[in-house]
C-alpha atoms as a PDB file:
ATOM      1  CA  UNK A   1       0.000   0.000   0.000  1.00  0.00           C
ATOM      2  CA  UNK A   2       1.243   3.506  -0.902  1.00  0.00           C
ATOM      3  CA  UNK A   3       1.499   6.227   1.689  1.00  0.00           C
ATOM      4  CA  UNK A   4       0.824   9.950   1.234  1.00  0.00           C
ATOM      5  CA  UNK A   5       4.409  10.775   0.264  1.00  0.00           C
ATOM      6  CA  UNK A   6       4.403   8.163  -2.484  1.00  0.00           C
ATOM      7  CA  UNK A   7       1.144   9.567  -3.926  1.00  0.00           C
ATOM      8  CA  UNK A   8       2.588  13.052  -3.774  1.00  0.00           C
ATOM      9  CA  UNK A   9       5.760  11.972  -5.640  1.00  0.00           C
ATOM     10  CA  UNK A  10       3.709  10.252  -8.354  1.00  0.00           C
ATOM     11  CA  UNK A  11       1.440  13.277  -8.661  1.00  0.00           C
ATOM     12  CA  UNK A  12       4.477  15.568  -9.065  1.00  0.00           C
ATOM     13  CA  UNK A  13       5.927  13.279 -11.733  1.00  0.00           C
ATOM     14  CA  UNK A  14       2.597  13.274 -13.614  1.00  0.00           C
ATOM     15  CA  UNK A  15       2.253  17.050 -13.400  1.00  0.00           C
ATOM     16  CA  UNK A  16       5.878  17.590 -14.477  1.00  0.00           C
ATOM     17  CA  UNK A  17       5.375  15.235 -17.452  1.00  0.00           C
ATOM     18  CA  UNK A  18       2.183  17.041 -18.401  1.00  0.00           C
ATOM     19  CA  UNK A  19       3.859  20.443 -18.218  1.00  0.00           C
ATOM     20  CA  UNK A  20       6.896  19.265 -20.219  1.00  0.00           C
ATOM     21  CA  UNK A  21       4.632  17.791 -22.910  1.00  0.00           C
ATOM     22  CA  UNK A  22       2.615  21.007 -23.081  1.00  0.00           C
ATOM     23  CA  UNK A  23       5.799  23.100 -23.416  1.00  0.00           C
ATOM     24  CA  UNK A  24       7.082  20.829 -26.186  1.00  0.00           C
ATOM     25  CA  UNK A  25       3.780  21.131 -28.064  1.00  0.00           C
ATOM     26  CA  UNK A  26       3.875  24.921 -27.696  1.00  0.00           C
ATOM     27  CA  UNK A  27       7.471  25.071 -28.947  1.00  0.00           C
ATOM     28  CA  UNK A  28       6.639  22.883 -31.944  1.00  0.00           C
ATOM     29  CA  UNK A  29       3.527  24.962 -32.653  1.00  0.00           C
ATOM     30  CA  UNK A  30       5.521  28.188 -32.426  1.00  0.00           C
ATOM     31  CA  UNK A  31       8.145  26.836 -34.832  1.00  0.00           C
ATOM     32  CA  UNK A  32       5.420  25.819 -37.272  1.00  0.00           C
ATOM     33  CA  UNK A  33       3.752  29.231 -36.994  1.00  0.00           C
ATOM     34  CA  UNK A  34       7.085  30.990 -37.555  1.00  0.00           C
ATOM     35  CA  UNK A  35       7.674  28.879 -40.665  1.00  0.00           C
ATOM     36  CA  UNK A  36       4.162  29.693 -41.886  1.00  0.00           C
ATOM     37  CA  UNK A  37       4.569  33.406 -41.182  1.00  0.00           C
ATOM     38  CA  UNK A  38       7.972  33.467 -42.921  1.00  0.00           C
ATOM     39  CA  UNK A  39       6.581  31.703 -45.989  1.00  0.00           C
ATOM     40  CA  UNK A  40       3.580  34.066 -46.023  1.00  0.00           C
ATOM     41  CA  UNK A  41       5.897  37.088 -45.828  1.00  0.00           C
ATOM     42  CA  UNK A  42       7.996  35.762 -48.697  1.00  0.00           C
ATOM     43  CA  UNK A  43       4.871  35.079 -50.736  1.00  0.00           C
ATOM     44  CA  UNK A  44       3.540  38.584 -50.024  1.00  0.00           C
ATOM     45  CA  UNK A  45       6.817  40.177 -51.092  1.00  0.00           C
ATOM     46  CA  UNK A  46       6.899  38.022 -54.231  1.00  0.00           C
ATOM     47  CA  UNK A  47       3.241  38.754 -54.978  1.00  0.00           C
ATOM     48  CA  UNK A  48       3.611  42.488 -54.343  1.00  0.00           C
ATOM     49  CA  UNK A  49       6.672  42.622 -56.591  1.00  0.00           C
ATOM     50  CA  UNK A  50       4.788  40.732 -59.292  1.00  0.00           C
ATOM     51  CA  UNK A  51       1.695  42.940 -58.934  1.00  0.00           C
ATOM     52  CA  UNK A  52       3.650  46.177 -58.992  1.00  0.00           C
ATOM     53  CA  UNK A  53       5.638  45.064 -62.054  1.00  0.00           C
ATOM     54  CA  UNK A  54       2.559  43.871 -63.851  1.00  0.00           C
ATOM     55  CA  UNK A  55       0.226  46.771 -63.101  1.00  0.00           C
ATOM     56  CA  UNK A  56       2.806  49.430 -62.323  1.00  0.00           C
ATOM     57  CA  UNK A  57       0.856  49.994 -59.104  1.00  0.00           C
ATOM     58  CA  UNK A  58       2.311  51.755 -56.104  1.00  0.00           C
ATOM     59  CA  UNK A  59       1.077  50.602 -52.691  1.00  0.00           C
ATOM     60  CA  UNK A  60       0.081  53.781 -50.885  1.00  0.00           C
ATOM     61  CA  UNK A  61       0.936  54.577 -47.290  1.00  0.00           C
ATOM     62  CA  UNK A  62       0.795  57.524 -44.908  1.00  0.00           C
ATOM     63  CA  UNK A  63       3.085  58.915 -42.226  1.00  0.00           C
ATOM     64  CA  UNK A  64       2.122  57.105 -39.056  1.00  0.00           C
ATOM     65  CA  UNK A  65       2.394  58.425 -35.512  1.00  0.00           C
ATOM     66  CA  UNK A  66       5.527  58.298 -33.413  1.00  0.00           C
ATOM     67  CA  UNK A  67       5.489  56.637 -30.014  1.00  0.00           C
ATOM     68  CA  UNK A  68       5.488  59.988 -28.201  1.00  0.00           C
ATOM     69  CA  UNK A  69       2.639  61.409 -30.324  1.00  0.00           C
ATOM     70  CA  UNK A  70       0.323  58.408 -30.083  1.00  0.00           C
ATOM     71  CA  UNK A  71      -3.110  58.724 -28.507  1.00  0.00           C
ATOM     72  CA  UNK A  72      -6.327  56.770 -29.013  1.00  0.00           C
ATOM     73  CA  UNK A  73      -7.939  59.676 -30.880  1.00  0.00           C
ATOM     74  CA  UNK A  74      -4.913  60.280 -33.107  1.00  0.00           C
ATOM     75  CA  UNK A  75      -4.792  56.564 -33.888  1.00  0.00           C
ATOM     76  CA  UNK A  76      -8.395  56.733 -35.062  1.00  0.00           C
ATOM     77  CA  UNK A  77      -7.613  59.764 -37.232  1.00  0.00           C
ATOM     78  CA  UNK A  78      -4.648  57.969 -38.814  1.00  0.00           C
ATOM     79  CA  UNK A  79      -6.800  54.927 -39.635  1.00  0.00           C
ATOM     80  CA  UNK A  80      -9.278  57.232 -41.361  1.00  0.00           C
ATOM     81  CA  UNK A  81      -6.450  58.925 -43.261  1.00  0.00           C
ATOM     82  CA  UNK A  82      -5.013  55.543 -44.291  1.00  0.00           C
ATOM     83  CA  UNK A  83      -8.393  54.187 -45.451  1.00  0.00           C
ATOM     84  CA  UNK A  84      -8.699  57.178 -47.767  1.00  0.00           C
ATOM     85  CA  UNK A  85      -5.691  55.817 -49.701  1.00  0.00           C
ATOM     86  CA  UNK A  86      -7.713  52.661 -50.508  1.00  0.00           C
ATOM     87  CA  UNK A  87      -9.658  52.352 -53.730  1.00  0.00           C
ATOM     88  CA  UNK A  88     -13.300  51.346 -53.222  1.00  0.00           C
ATOM     89  CA  UNK A  89     -16.747  52.274 -54.519  1.00  0.00           C
ATOM     90  CA  UNK A  90     -18.502  55.329 -53.070  1.00  0.00           C
ATOM     91  CA  UNK A  91     -21.415  53.212 -51.854  1.00  0.00           C
ATOM     92  CA  UNK A  92     -19.361  51.825 -48.958  1.00  0.00           C
ATOM     93  CA  UNK A  93     -19.696  53.425 -45.534  1.00  0.00           C
ATOM     94  CA  UNK A  94     -17.574  52.683 -42.497  1.00  0.00           C
ATOM     95  CA  UNK A  95     -17.259  53.565 -38.848  1.00  0.00           C
ATOM     96  CA  UNK A  96     -14.215  53.225 -36.600  1.00  0.00           C
ATOM     97  CA  UNK A  97     -14.485  51.999 -33.008  1.00  0.00           C
ATOM     98  CA  UNK A  98     -11.781  51.794 -30.366  1.00  0.00           C
ATOM     99  CA  UNK A  99     -11.984  48.299 -28.843  1.00  0.00           C
ATOM    100  CA  UNK A 100      -9.441  48.557 -26.058  1.00  0.00           C
ATOM    101  CA  UNK A 101      -5.812  48.260 -25.133  1.00  0.00           C
ATOM    102  CA  UNK A 102      -3.694  45.305 -24.039  1.00  0.00           C
ATOM    103  CA  UNK A 103      -0.663  45.799 -21.823  1.00  0.00           C
ATOM    104  CA  UNK A 104       2.336  43.603 -22.583  1.00  0.00           C
ATOM    105  CA  UNK A 105       5.807  43.531 -21.092  1.00  0.00           C
ATOM    106  CA  UNK A 106       7.472  45.572 -23.826  1.00  0.00           C
ATOM    107  CA  UNK A 107       4.562  47.302 -25.545  1.00  0.00           C
ATOM    108  CA  UNK A 108       0.925  48.335 -25.354  1.00  0.00           C
ATOM    109  CA  UNK A 109      -1.414  47.290 -28.170  1.00  0.00           C
ATOM    110  CA  UNK A 110      -4.369  49.454 -29.092  1.00  0.00           C
ATOM    111  CA  UNK A 111      -7.123  47.714 -31.051  1.00  0.00           C
ATOM    112  CA  UNK A 112      -9.677  49.300 -33.390  1.00  0.00           C
ATOM    113  CA  UNK A 113     -12.491  47.899 -35.505  1.00  0.00           C
ATOM    114  CA  UNK A 114     -13.500  49.423 -38.835  1.00  0.00           C
ATOM    115  CA  UNK A 115     -16.991  48.178 -39.713  1.00  0.00           C
ATOM    116  CA  UNK A 116     -17.918  48.391 -43.417  1.00  0.00           C
ATOM    117  CA  UNK A 117     -21.353  48.182 -45.013  1.00  0.00           C
ATOM    118  CA  UNK A 118     -23.289  49.159 -48.114  1.00  0.00           C
ATOM    119  CA  UNK A 119     -26.615  50.662 -47.059  1.00  0.00           C
ATOM    120  CA  UNK A 120     -29.225  51.292 -49.771  1.00  0.00           C
ATOM    121  CA  UNK A 121     -32.574  53.050 -49.900  1.00  0.00           C
ATOM    122  CA  UNK A 122     -34.367  49.725 -49.753  1.00  0.00           C
ATOM    123  CA  UNK A 123     -32.167  48.441 -46.941  1.00  0.00           C
ATOM    124  CA  UNK A 124     -30.743  51.357 -44.973  1.00  0.00           C
ATOM    125  CA  UNK A 125     -29.786  48.916 -42.204  1.00  0.00           C
ATOM    126  CA  UNK A 126     -27.516  46.394 -43.917  1.00  0.00           C
ATOM    127  CA  UNK A 127     -28.034  42.690 -43.227  1.00  0.00           C
ATOM    128  CA  UNK A 128     -24.297  42.093 -42.941  1.00  0.00           C
ATOM    129  CA  UNK A 129     -21.124  44.049 -42.322  1.00  0.00           C
ATOM    130  CA  UNK A 130     -17.427  43.365 -42.864  1.00  0.00           C
ATOM    131  CA  UNK A 131     -14.820  44.329 -40.298  1.00  0.00           C
ATOM    132  CA  UNK A 132     -11.150  45.217 -40.528  1.00  0.00           C
ATOM    133  CA  UNK A 133      -9.232  45.073 -37.245  1.00  0.00           C
ATOM    134  CA  UNK A 134      -6.317  47.482 -36.777  1.00  0.00           C
ATOM    135  CA  UNK A 135      -3.689  47.183 -34.068  1.00  0.00           C
ATOM    136  CA  UNK A 136      -1.218  49.880 -33.040  1.00  0.00           C
ATOM    137  CA  UNK A 137       1.760  48.413 -31.202  1.00  0.00           C
ATOM    138  CA  UNK A 138       3.306  51.156 -29.066  1.00  0.00           C
ATOM    139  CA  UNK A 139       6.707  50.111 -27.750  1.00  0.00           C
ATOM    140  CA  UNK A 140       7.731  50.824 -24.169  1.00  0.00           C
ATOM    141  CA  UNK A 141      11.429  50.264 -24.873  1.00  0.00           C
ATOM    142  CA  UNK A 142      12.137  51.925 -28.243  1.00  0.00           C
ATOM    143  CA  UNK A 143      13.081  55.612 -28.420  1.00  0.00           C
ATOM    144  CA  UNK A 144      10.028  57.891 -28.356  1.00  0.00           C
ATOM    145  CA  UNK A 145      10.700  59.301 -31.847  1.00  0.00           C
ATOM    146  CA  UNK A 146      10.262  55.848 -33.471  1.00  0.00           C
ATOM    147  CA  UNK A 147       7.001  55.179 -35.310  1.00  0.00           C
ATOM    148  CA  UNK A 148       4.382  52.884 -33.827  1.00  0.00           C
ATOM    149  CA  UNK A 149       3.947  49.474 -35.467  1.00  0.00           C
ATOM    150  CA  UNK A 150       0.635  49.165 -37.322  1.00  0.00           C
ATOM    151  CA  UNK A 151      -0.986  46.043 -38.718  1.00  0.00           C
ATOM    152  CA  UNK A 152      -4.489  44.965 -39.670  1.00  0.00           C
ATOM    153  CA  UNK A 153      -6.508  41.881 -40.540  1.00  0.00           C
ATOM    154  CA  UNK A 154      -9.768  41.370 -42.373  1.00  0.00           C
ATOM    155  CA  UNK A 155     -12.572  39.530 -40.635  1.00  0.00           C
ATOM    156  CA  UNK A 156     -12.516  35.755 -41.349  1.00  0.00           C
ATOM    157  CA  UNK A 157      -8.956  36.081 -42.643  1.00  0.00           C
ATOM    158  CA  UNK A 158      -5.703  35.191 -40.913  1.00  0.00           C
ATOM    159  CA  UNK A 159      -3.334  37.123 -43.147  1.00  0.00           C
ATOM    160  CA  UNK A 160      -1.779  40.057 -41.307  1.00  0.00           C
ATOM    161  CA  UNK A 161      -1.351  43.178 -43.459  1.00  0.00           C
ATOM    162  CA  UNK A 162       1.041  46.047 -42.851  1.00  0.00           C
ATOM    163  CA  UNK A 163       0.388  49.497 -44.295  1.00  0.00           C
ATOM    164  CA  UNK A 164       2.498  50.186 -47.346  1.00  0.00           C
ATOM    165  CA  UNK A 165       3.203  46.492 -47.953  1.00  0.00           C
ATOM    166  CA  UNK A 166      -0.064  45.096 -49.281  1.00  0.00           C
ATOM    167  CA  UNK A 167      -2.658  46.476 -51.641  1.00  0.00           C
ATOM    168  CA  UNK A 168      -6.256  46.792 -50.454  1.00  0.00           C
ATOM    169  CA  UNK A 169      -8.808  44.781 -52.420  1.00  0.00           C
ATOM    170  CA  UNK A 170     -12.463  45.757 -52.208  1.00  0.00           C
ATOM    171  CA  UNK A 171     -13.254  42.138 -53.041  1.00  0.00           C
ATOM    172  CA  UNK A 172     -12.118  41.100 -49.549  1.00  0.00           C
ATOM    173  CA  UNK A 173     -14.922  43.155 -47.983  1.00  0.00           C
ATOM    174  CA  UNK A 174     -17.458  41.874 -50.502  1.00  0.00           C
ATOM    175  CA  UNK A 175     -16.450  38.271 -49.813  1.00  0.00           C
ATOM    176  CA  UNK A 176     -17.030  38.678 -46.073  1.00  0.00           C
ATOM    177  CA  UNK A 177     -20.466  40.215 -46.591  1.00  0.00           C
ATOM    178  CA  UNK A 178     -21.428  37.626 -49.190  1.00  0.00           C
ATOM    179  CA  UNK A 179     -20.431  34.714 -46.935  1.00  0.00           C
ATOM    180  CA  UNK A 180     -22.411  36.183 -44.026  1.00  0.00           C
ATOM    181  CA  UNK A 181     -25.444  36.702 -46.253  1.00  0.00           C
ATOM    182  CA  UNK A 182     -25.276  33.099 -47.468  1.00  0.00           C
ATOM    183  CA  UNK A 183     -25.136  31.811 -43.910  1.00  0.00           C
ATOM    184  CA  UNK A 184     -28.078  33.979 -42.841  1.00  0.00           C
ATOM    185  CA  UNK A 185     -30.168  32.709 -45.785  1.00  0.00           C
ATOM    186  CA  UNK A 186     -29.512  29.127 -44.751  1.00  0.00           C
ATOM    187  CA  UNK A 187     -30.636  29.672 -41.145  1.00  0.00           C
ATOM    188  CA  UNK A 188     -34.368  29.436 -40.500  1.00  0.00           C
ATOM    189  CA  UNK A 189     -35.747  31.298 -37.513  1.00  0.00           C
END
């Protein structure tokens, strides 16, 4: 029969094994994600080079805020300024919402949502919207005159875009709205 100390030793061994396995899985997952991100970056650079050569298109960008000049309101203004460099039909409307901030050891991340829709006279309240999520990464350790890091993702998409590196496609917004509309049509209330 086992005594309390023996149970405790076995429990510690089990917990240590569990933790070591979890750490190994995380490390493997992180390596896989890094490989995926690196390949995606290479593909984006290759695609952007191909697109710009083929169409002679320049990816537009703006001057972003420095770390010392950043504020929630100024971030919202810069998103609006950046969106105006995108090419899209006049029928689109959007609104920008500040979602919150996340404190990290070396930076603070400010998150915004830009909600897009196409209201019409027949349907002034659209059945579906498409969102673009912007993040401003404000470093706590870089010099204050450095620019903030900015990246954004489209709803239902995992590809991370950086201003000045990828070209906006109106089709991405339309695809989100179309997929939501199809799902809503298939659901019976």
